[in-house]
Amino acid sequence: MPDLRTSPGPHVFVDDLDAPELLAADRHHLTKALRLRDGDAITISDAAGQWRTARYGTAVEPTGPVVSVPAPEAALLLGVALTKAAKPEFAVQKATEIGMDRIVLFGADRSVARWDESKRSRNTERLARVAREAAMQSHRVTIPNVSVVADLDEVLGLVPSLGLPDPVRADFGGDPIGPQHRFVLIGPEGGWSDEERRRVPRAVDLGDTVLRAETASVVACSLLVASRGRSD
């Protein structure tokens, strides 16, 4: 099977692989930022697990067969407590690049950042765009689902409604991340409260050093992806 990672040219999402049309923003990026010219090679994906090679131009011309990439047997999820500044954007971007399937941001008891319903809605749209751009940059064939919820209660409420695995929290003294873990929660700058530790009793340890929240997100995602599919 052709390898998307080594196929020449940038990667972009389209609705129809047989009759591909680029969004205006994507065409602007390819033309102005990446300096593509008519005839340059690109790859296109439907964001649903399929991709093919193509030729850039006023009309994008498919040049290769449609390749289907099987979905992983186990979806991987990251929950990230709200943090200051651009850290949520960084967490979503890197989690997407590494290969997470769903990303949930939530307000923790000790989160410094506080988003009301209006701000959560705006940031859901913004972070979804971040995930889409990161998925194109990293040549993914899917885009992770990104949601922003009010608090840990809402995160835990997603578990039965969506058939998700019970989450574990990143914390000192926990177990090493292994193939049995699929949903890891990263706490805020101030750490987990006693009540949050009670609500999510199982923990995984991310290493021997104290990590910033955004660094912990990258480490947790890397360990989850590395352990996916292992039987030991």
C-alpha atoms as a PDB file:
ATOM      1  CA  MET A   1       0.000   0.000   0.000  1.00  0.00           C
ATOM      2  CA  PRO A   2       1.346   3.469  -0.823  1.00  0.00           C
ATOM      3  CA  ASP A   3       2.661   5.391   2.160  1.00  0.00           C
ATOM      4  CA  LEU A   4       1.011   8.781   2.620  1.00  0.00           C
ATOM      5  CA  ARG A   5       3.929   9.992   4.731  1.00  0.00           C
ATOM      6  CA  THR A   6       6.366   9.701   1.832  1.00  0.00           C
ATOM      7  CA  SER A   7       4.062  10.884  -0.961  1.00  0.00           C
ATOM      8  CA  PRO A   8       5.248  14.187  -2.432  1.00  0.00           C
ATOM      9  CA  GLY A   9       3.563  17.508  -1.836  1.00  0.00           C
ATOM     10  CA  PRO A  10       1.329  18.970   0.862  1.00  0.00           C
ATOM     11  CA  HIS A  11      -1.825  17.257   2.090  1.00  0.00           C
ATOM     12  CA  VAL A  12      -5.337  18.735   2.029  1.00  0.00           C
ATOM     13  CA  PHE A  13      -8.892  17.659   2.849  1.00  0.00           C
ATOM     14  CA  VAL A  14     -11.697  17.619   0.283  1.00  0.00           C
ATOM     15  CA  ASP A  15     -15.283  16.420   0.346  1.00  0.00           C
ATOM     16  CA  ASP A  16     -15.108  14.279  -2.792  1.00  0.00           C
ATOM     17  CA  LEU A  17     -11.982  12.374  -3.838  1.00  0.00           C
ATOM     18  CA  ASP A  18     -13.320  11.855  -7.365  1.00  0.00           C
ATOM     19  CA  ALA A  19     -14.263  15.499  -7.943  1.00  0.00           C
ATOM     20  CA  PRO A  20     -12.043  17.364  -5.461  1.00  0.00           C
ATOM     21  CA  GLU A  21     -12.670  21.039  -4.740  1.00  0.00           C
ATOM     22  CA  LEU A  22     -10.521  23.029  -2.355  1.00  0.00           C
ATOM     23  CA  LEU A  23     -11.817  25.410   0.273  1.00  0.00           C
ATOM     24  CA  ALA A  24     -10.820  28.993  -0.447  1.00  0.00           C
ATOM     25  CA  ALA A  25      -8.686  29.135   2.701  1.00  0.00           C
ATOM     26  CA  ASP A  26      -6.855  25.936   1.764  1.00  0.00           C
ATOM     27  CA  ARG A  27      -6.188  27.166  -1.779  1.00  0.00           C
ATOM     28  CA  HIS A  28      -4.884  30.451  -0.417  1.00  0.00           C
ATOM     29  CA  HIS A  29      -2.533  28.599   1.940  1.00  0.00           C
ATOM     30  CA  LEU A  30      -1.245  26.313  -0.808  1.00  0.00           C
ATOM     31  CA  THR A  31      -0.716  29.169  -3.247  1.00  0.00           C
ATOM     32  CA  LYS A  32       0.497  31.993  -1.013  1.00  0.00           C
ATOM     33  CA  ALA A  33       2.208  30.232   1.897  1.00  0.00           C
ATOM     34  CA  LEU A  34       3.494  27.061   0.220  1.00  0.00           C
ATOM     35  CA  ARG A  35       4.012  28.634  -3.237  1.00  0.00           C
ATOM     36  CA  LEU A  36       2.426  25.757  -5.143  1.00  0.00           C
ATOM     37  CA  ARG A  37       2.151  26.077  -8.901  1.00  0.00           C
ATOM     38  CA  ASP A  38      -0.126  24.367 -11.389  1.00  0.00           C
ATOM     39  CA  GLY A  39       1.003  20.790 -11.887  1.00  0.00           C
ATOM     40  CA  ASP A  40       2.645  20.366  -8.472  1.00  0.00           C
ATOM     41  CA  ALA A  41       1.967  17.132  -6.632  1.00  0.00           C
ATOM     42  CA  ILE A  42      -0.346  17.047  -3.618  1.00  0.00           C
ATOM     43  CA  THR A  43      -2.291  14.422  -1.708  1.00  0.00           C
ATOM     44  CA  ILE A  44      -5.985  14.722  -0.878  1.00  0.00           C
ATOM     45  CA  SER A  45      -8.100  12.990   1.762  1.00  0.00           C
ATOM     46  CA  ASP A  46     -11.798  12.790   2.547  1.00  0.00           C
ATOM     47  CA  ALA A  47     -11.059  12.892   6.324  1.00  0.00           C
ATOM     48  CA  ALA A  48     -12.881   9.556   6.581  1.00  0.00           C
ATOM     49  CA  GLY A  49      -9.918   7.245   6.108  1.00  0.00           C
ATOM     50  CA  GLN A  50      -9.271   7.506   2.357  1.00  0.00           C
ATOM     51  CA  TRP A  51      -6.702   9.406   0.308  1.00  0.00           C
ATOM     52  CA  ARG A  52      -5.124   9.619  -3.152  1.00  0.00           C
ATOM     53  CA  THR A  53      -2.435  11.533  -4.997  1.00  0.00           C
ATOM     54  CA  ALA A  54      -3.425  14.506  -7.130  1.00  0.00           C
ATOM     55  CA  ARG A  55      -2.092  17.372  -9.225  1.00  0.00           C
ATOM     56  CA  TYR A  56      -2.626  20.943  -8.068  1.00  0.00           C
ATOM     57  CA  GLY A  57      -4.196  23.518 -10.354  1.00  0.00           C
ATOM     58  CA  THR A  58      -7.297  25.577 -11.022  1.00  0.00           C
ATOM     59  CA  ALA A  59      -9.000  22.197 -11.013  1.00  0.00           C
ATOM     60  CA  VAL A  60      -7.408  19.583  -8.761  1.00  0.00           C
ATOM     61  CA  GLU A  61      -6.759  16.460 -10.846  1.00  0.00           C
ATOM     62  CA  PRO A  62      -6.604  13.036  -9.141  1.00  0.00           C
ATOM     63  CA  THR A  63      -3.570  11.055 -10.325  1.00  0.00           C
ATOM     64  CA  GLY A  64      -3.590   7.893  -8.237  1.00  0.00           C
ATOM     65  CA  PRO A  65      -5.995   5.279  -6.943  1.00  0.00           C
ATOM     66  CA  VAL A  66      -8.034   5.798  -3.795  1.00  0.00           C
ATOM     67  CA  VAL A  67      -6.257   4.231  -0.836  1.00  0.00           C
ATOM     68  CA  SER A  68      -8.256   3.169   2.219  1.00  0.00           C
ATOM     69  CA  VAL A  69      -6.501   3.247   5.594  1.00  0.00           C
ATOM     70  CA  PRO A  70      -8.078   0.914   8.173  1.00  0.00           C
ATOM     71  CA  ALA A  71      -9.238   2.581  11.364  1.00  0.00           C
ATOM     72  CA  PRO A  72      -7.323   1.559  14.489  1.00  0.00           C
ATOM     73  CA  GLU A  73      -8.943  -1.116  16.602  1.00  0.00           C
ATOM     74  CA  ALA A  74      -8.848   1.082  19.705  1.00  0.00           C
ATOM     75  CA  ALA A  75      -9.604   4.794  19.617  1.00  0.00           C
ATOM     76  CA  LEU A  76      -7.368   6.959  21.806  1.00  0.00           C
ATOM     77  CA  LEU A  77      -8.638   9.939  23.756  1.00  0.00           C
ATOM     78  CA  LEU A  78      -7.038  12.871  25.562  1.00  0.00           C
ATOM     79  CA  GLY A  79      -8.737  15.081  28.119  1.00  0.00           C
ATOM     80  CA  VAL A  80      -6.991  18.352  28.916  1.00  0.00           C
ATOM     81  CA  ALA A  81      -7.858  20.725  31.750  1.00  0.00           C
ATOM     82  CA  LEU A  82      -8.064  24.353  30.666  1.00  0.00           C
ATOM     83  CA  THR A  83      -4.820  26.246  31.020  1.00  0.00           C
ATOM     84  CA  LYS A  84      -3.711  29.821  30.341  1.00  0.00           C
ATOM     85  CA  ALA A  85      -2.745  31.554  27.099  1.00  0.00           C
ATOM     86  CA  ALA A  86      -2.312  29.402  23.968  1.00  0.00           C
ATOM     87  CA  LYS A  87      -1.698  26.138  25.802  1.00  0.00           C
ATOM     88  CA  PRO A  88      -5.052  24.535  24.838  1.00  0.00           C
ATOM     89  CA  GLU A  89      -4.277  25.266  21.184  1.00  0.00           C
ATOM     90  CA  PHE A  90      -0.823  23.702  21.586  1.00  0.00           C
ATOM     91  CA  ALA A  91      -2.298  20.588  23.214  1.00  0.00           C
ATOM     92  CA  VAL A  92      -4.853  20.117  20.415  1.00  0.00           C
ATOM     93  CA  GLN A  93      -2.270  20.689  17.703  1.00  0.00           C
ATOM     94  CA  LYS A  94       0.253  18.221  19.108  1.00  0.00           C
ATOM     95  CA  ALA A  95      -2.345  15.601  20.063  1.00  0.00           C
ATOM     96  CA  THR A  96      -3.594  15.711  16.481  1.00  0.00           C
ATOM     97  CA  GLU A  97      -0.098  15.378  15.021  1.00  0.00           C
ATOM     98  CA  ILE A  98       0.701  12.431  17.287  1.00  0.00           C
ATOM     99  CA  GLY A  99      -2.481  10.572  16.366  1.00  0.00           C
ATOM    100  CA  MET A 100      -5.225  10.989  18.964  1.00  0.00           C
ATOM    101  CA  ASP A 101      -8.786  10.272  17.870  1.00  0.00           C
ATOM    102  CA  ARG A 102     -10.702  12.521  20.277  1.00  0.00           C
ATOM    103  CA  ILE A 103      -9.678  15.525  22.400  1.00  0.00           C
ATOM    104  CA  VAL A 104     -11.805  16.954  25.200  1.00  0.00           C
ATOM    105  CA  LEU A 105     -10.996  20.189  27.020  1.00  0.00           C
ATOM    106  CA  PHE A 106     -12.621  20.870  30.369  1.00  0.00           C
ATOM    107  CA  GLY A 107     -12.527  23.196  33.350  1.00  0.00           C
ATOM    108  CA  ALA A 108     -10.850  21.557  36.349  1.00  0.00           C
ATOM    109  CA  ASP A 109     -11.267  22.627  39.970  1.00  0.00           C
ATOM    110  CA  ARG A 110      -7.873  24.353  39.918  1.00  0.00           C
ATOM    111  CA  SER A 111      -7.912  25.650  36.354  1.00  0.00           C
ATOM    112  CA  VAL A 112      -6.830  29.278  36.185  1.00  0.00           C
ATOM    113  CA  ALA A 113      -8.598  29.781  32.840  1.00  0.00           C
ATOM    114  CA  ARG A 114     -12.407  29.864  33.019  1.00  0.00           C
ATOM    115  CA  TRP A 115     -14.571  29.684  29.893  1.00  0.00           C
ATOM    116  CA  ASP A 116     -18.298  30.439  30.012  1.00  0.00           C
ATOM    117  CA  GLU A 117     -20.721  28.770  27.597  1.00  0.00           C
ATOM    118  CA  SER A 118     -20.211  31.410  24.914  1.00  0.00           C
ATOM    119  CA  LYS A 119     -16.444  31.181  25.120  1.00  0.00           C
ATOM    120  CA  ARG A 120     -16.562  27.377  25.076  1.00  0.00           C
ATOM    121  CA  SER A 121     -18.630  27.494  21.873  1.00  0.00           C
ATOM    122  CA  ARG A 122     -16.234  29.941  20.173  1.00  0.00           C
ATOM    123  CA  ASN A 123     -13.198  27.980  21.225  1.00  0.00           C
ATOM    124  CA  THR A 124     -14.697  24.680  20.102  1.00  0.00           C
ATOM    125  CA  GLU A 125     -14.881  26.096  16.573  1.00  0.00           C
ATOM    126  CA  ARG A 126     -11.392  27.586  16.790  1.00  0.00           C
ATOM    127  CA  LEU A 127      -9.794  24.429  18.165  1.00  0.00           C
ATOM    128  CA  ALA A 128     -11.572  22.309  15.548  1.00  0.00           C
ATOM    129  CA  ARG A 129      -9.820  24.444  12.919  1.00  0.00           C
ATOM    130  CA  VAL A 130      -6.520  23.923  14.727  1.00  0.00           C
ATOM    131  CA  ALA A 131      -7.086  20.157  14.620  1.00  0.00           C
ATOM    132  CA  ARG A 132      -7.962  20.233  10.919  1.00  0.00           C
ATOM    133  CA  GLU A 133      -4.854  22.237  10.050  1.00  0.00           C
ATOM    134  CA  ALA A 134      -2.662  19.963  12.174  1.00  0.00           C
ATOM    135  CA  ALA A 135      -4.192  16.885  10.549  1.00  0.00           C
ATOM    136  CA  MET A 136      -3.288  18.225   7.109  1.00  0.00           C
ATOM    137  CA  GLN A 137       0.207  19.191   8.210  1.00  0.00           C
ATOM    138  CA  SER A 138       0.807  15.709   9.641  1.00  0.00           C
ATOM    139  CA  HIS A 139      -0.767  13.939   6.642  1.00  0.00           C
ATOM    140  CA  ARG A 140      -3.592  12.264   8.524  1.00  0.00           C
ATOM    141  CA  VAL A 141      -6.626  10.720   6.819  1.00  0.00           C
ATOM    142  CA  THR A 142      -8.947  11.605   9.698  1.00  0.00           C
ATOM    143  CA  ILE A 143      -9.490  14.664  11.878  1.00  0.00           C
ATOM    144  CA  PRO A 144      -9.880  14.123  15.623  1.00  0.00           C
ATOM    145  CA  ASN A 145     -13.114  15.154  17.268  1.00  0.00           C
ATOM    146  CA  VAL A 146     -12.527  18.210  19.506  1.00  0.00           C
ATOM    147  CA  SER A 147     -14.998  19.292  22.189  1.00  0.00           C
ATOM    148  CA  VAL A 148     -14.934  21.782  25.040  1.00  0.00           C
ATOM    149  CA  VAL A 149     -17.067  21.007  28.095  1.00  0.00           C
ATOM    150  CA  ALA A 150     -17.681  22.790  31.371  1.00  0.00           C
ATOM    151  CA  ASP A 151     -16.084  20.457  33.892  1.00  0.00           C
ATOM    152  CA  LEU A 152     -15.025  16.946  34.855  1.00  0.00           C
ATOM    153  CA  ASP A 153     -18.659  15.938  35.387  1.00  0.00           C
ATOM    154  CA  GLU A 154     -19.339  16.533  31.700  1.00  0.00           C
ATOM    155  CA  VAL A 155     -16.218  14.593  30.714  1.00  0.00           C
ATOM    156  CA  LEU A 156     -17.357  11.616  32.762  1.00  0.00           C
ATOM    157  CA  GLY A 157     -20.855  12.001  31.317  1.00  0.00           C
ATOM    158  CA  LEU A 158     -19.456  11.410  27.826  1.00  0.00           C
ATOM    159  CA  VAL A 159     -18.191   7.958  28.780  1.00  0.00           C
ATOM    160  CA  PRO A 160     -21.476   6.006  28.836  1.00  0.00           C
ATOM    161  CA  SER A 161     -23.239   8.117  26.201  1.00  0.00           C
ATOM    162  CA  LEU A 162     -20.508   7.565  23.615  1.00  0.00           C
ATOM    163  CA  GLY A 163     -19.363   4.137  24.721  1.00  0.00           C
ATOM    164  CA  LEU A 164     -15.966   5.467  25.741  1.00  0.00           C
ATOM    165  CA  PRO A 165     -13.517   3.731  28.067  1.00  0.00           C
ATOM    166  CA  ASP A 166     -13.229   4.936  31.661  1.00  0.00           C
ATOM    167  CA  PRO A 167     -10.558   7.654  31.827  1.00  0.00           C
ATOM    168  CA  VAL A 168      -7.432   7.600  33.951  1.00  0.00           C
ATOM    169  CA  ARG A 169      -5.720  10.713  35.264  1.00  0.00           C
ATOM    170  CA  ALA A 170      -2.049  11.572  34.792  1.00  0.00           C
ATOM    171  CA  ASP A 171      -0.615  11.740  38.304  1.00  0.00           C
ATOM    172  CA  PHE A 172       2.424  10.789  40.335  1.00  0.00           C
ATOM    173  CA  GLY A 173       2.561   7.207  41.579  1.00  0.00           C
ATOM    174  CA  GLY A 174       0.249   5.801  38.932  1.00  0.00           C
ATOM    175  CA  ASP A 175       0.801   2.811  36.663  1.00  0.00           C
ATOM    176  CA  PRO A 176       2.888   3.029  33.479  1.00  0.00           C
ATOM    177  CA  ILE A 177       0.777   3.686  30.384  1.00  0.00           C
ATOM    178  CA  GLY A 178       0.040   0.430  28.566  1.00  0.00           C
ATOM    179  CA  PRO A 179      -2.271  -0.970  25.880  1.00  0.00           C
ATOM    180  CA  GLN A 180      -5.130  -1.190  28.393  1.00  0.00           C
ATOM    181  CA  HIS A 181      -5.213   2.605  28.649  1.00  0.00           C
ATOM    182  CA  ARG A 182      -7.133   4.576  26.035  1.00  0.00           C
ATOM    183  CA  PHE A 183      -8.371   7.769  27.708  1.00  0.00           C
ATOM    184  CA  VAL A 184      -5.946   9.910  29.735  1.00  0.00           C
ATOM    185  CA  LEU A 185      -6.823  13.148  31.532  1.00  0.00           C
ATOM    186  CA  ILE A 186      -4.220  15.886  32.027  1.00  0.00           C
ATOM    187  CA  GLY A 187      -4.715  18.194  35.015  1.00  0.00           C
ATOM    188  CA  PRO A 188      -4.243  21.964  35.279  1.00  0.00           C
ATOM    189  CA  GLU A 189      -1.256  23.955  36.511  1.00  0.00           C
ATOM    190  CA  GLY A 190      -2.408  23.629  40.113  1.00  0.00           C
ATOM    191  CA  GLY A 191      -2.825  19.870  39.962  1.00  0.00           C
ATOM    192  CA  TRP A 192      -5.840  17.677  40.726  1.00  0.00           C
ATOM    193  CA  SER A 193      -8.151  18.377  43.653  1.00  0.00           C
ATOM    194  CA  ASP A 194      -8.939  15.622  46.155  1.00  0.00           C
ATOM    195  CA  GLU A 195     -12.473  15.395  44.777  1.00  0.00           C
ATOM    196  CA  GLU A 196     -11.181  14.927  41.206  1.00  0.00           C
ATOM    197  CA  ARG A 197      -8.836  12.202  42.410  1.00  0.00           C
ATOM    198  CA  ARG A 198     -11.825  10.515  44.022  1.00  0.00           C
ATOM    199  CA  ARG A 199     -13.918  10.806  40.853  1.00  0.00           C
ATOM    200  CA  VAL A 200     -11.115   9.373  38.691  1.00  0.00           C
ATOM    201  CA  PRO A 201      -9.373   6.915  41.017  1.00  0.00           C
ATOM    202  CA  ARG A 202      -7.059   5.236  38.523  1.00  0.00           C
ATOM    203  CA  ALA A 203      -3.850   7.054  37.593  1.00  0.00           C
ATOM    204  CA  VAL A 204      -0.970   6.727  35.161  1.00  0.00           C
ATOM    205  CA  ASP A 205       2.508   8.120  35.753  1.00  0.00           C
ATOM    206  CA  LEU A 206       4.201  10.015  32.919  1.00  0.00           C
ATOM    207  CA  GLY A 207       7.778   9.806  34.173  1.00  0.00           C
ATOM    208  CA  ASP A 208      10.308  10.914  36.732  1.00  0.00           C
ATOM    209  CA  THR A 209      10.049  14.678  36.317  1.00  0.00           C
ATOM    210  CA  VAL A 210       7.420  17.341  36.962  1.00  0.00           C
ATOM    211  CA  LEU A 211       5.905  18.316  33.601  1.00  0.00           C
ATOM    212  CA  ARG A 212       4.060  21.402  32.497  1.00  0.00           C
ATOM    213  CA  ALA A 213       0.482  20.656  31.471  1.00  0.00           C
ATOM    214  CA  GLU A 214       1.213  21.094  27.770  1.00  0.00           C
ATOM    215  CA  THR A 215       4.286  18.859  27.987  1.00  0.00           C
ATOM    216  CA  ALA A 216       2.296  16.221  29.861  1.00  0.00           C
ATOM    217  CA  SER A 217      -0.217  16.193  27.012  1.00  0.00           C
ATOM    218  CA  VAL A 218       2.510  15.449  24.468  1.00  0.00           C
ATOM    219  CA  VAL A 219       4.062  12.726  26.635  1.00  0.00           C
ATOM    220  CA  ALA A 220       0.717  11.062  27.351  1.00  0.00           C
ATOM    221  CA  CYS A 221      -0.284  11.054  23.674  1.00  0.00           C
ATOM    222  CA  SER A 222       3.085   9.656  22.607  1.00  0.00           C
ATOM    223  CA  LEU A 223       2.907   6.842  25.146  1.00  0.00           C
ATOM    224  CA  LEU A 224      -0.685   6.002  24.227  1.00  0.00           C
ATOM    225  CA  VAL A 225       0.064   5.811  20.511  1.00  0.00           C
ATOM    226  CA  ALA A 226       3.232   3.789  21.126  1.00  0.00           C
ATOM    227  CA  SER A 227       1.322   1.281  23.255  1.00  0.00           C
ATOM    228  CA  ARG A 228      -1.678   0.954  20.910  1.00  0.00           C
ATOM    229  CA  GLY A 229      -1.817  -2.528  19.472  1.00  0.00           C
ATOM    230  CA  ARG A 230       0.688  -4.034  21.868  1.00  0.00           C
ATOM    231  CA  SER A 231      -0.430  -7.237  23.540  1.00  0.00           C
ATOM    232  CA  ASP A 232       1.987  -7.112  26.485  1.00  0.00           C
END
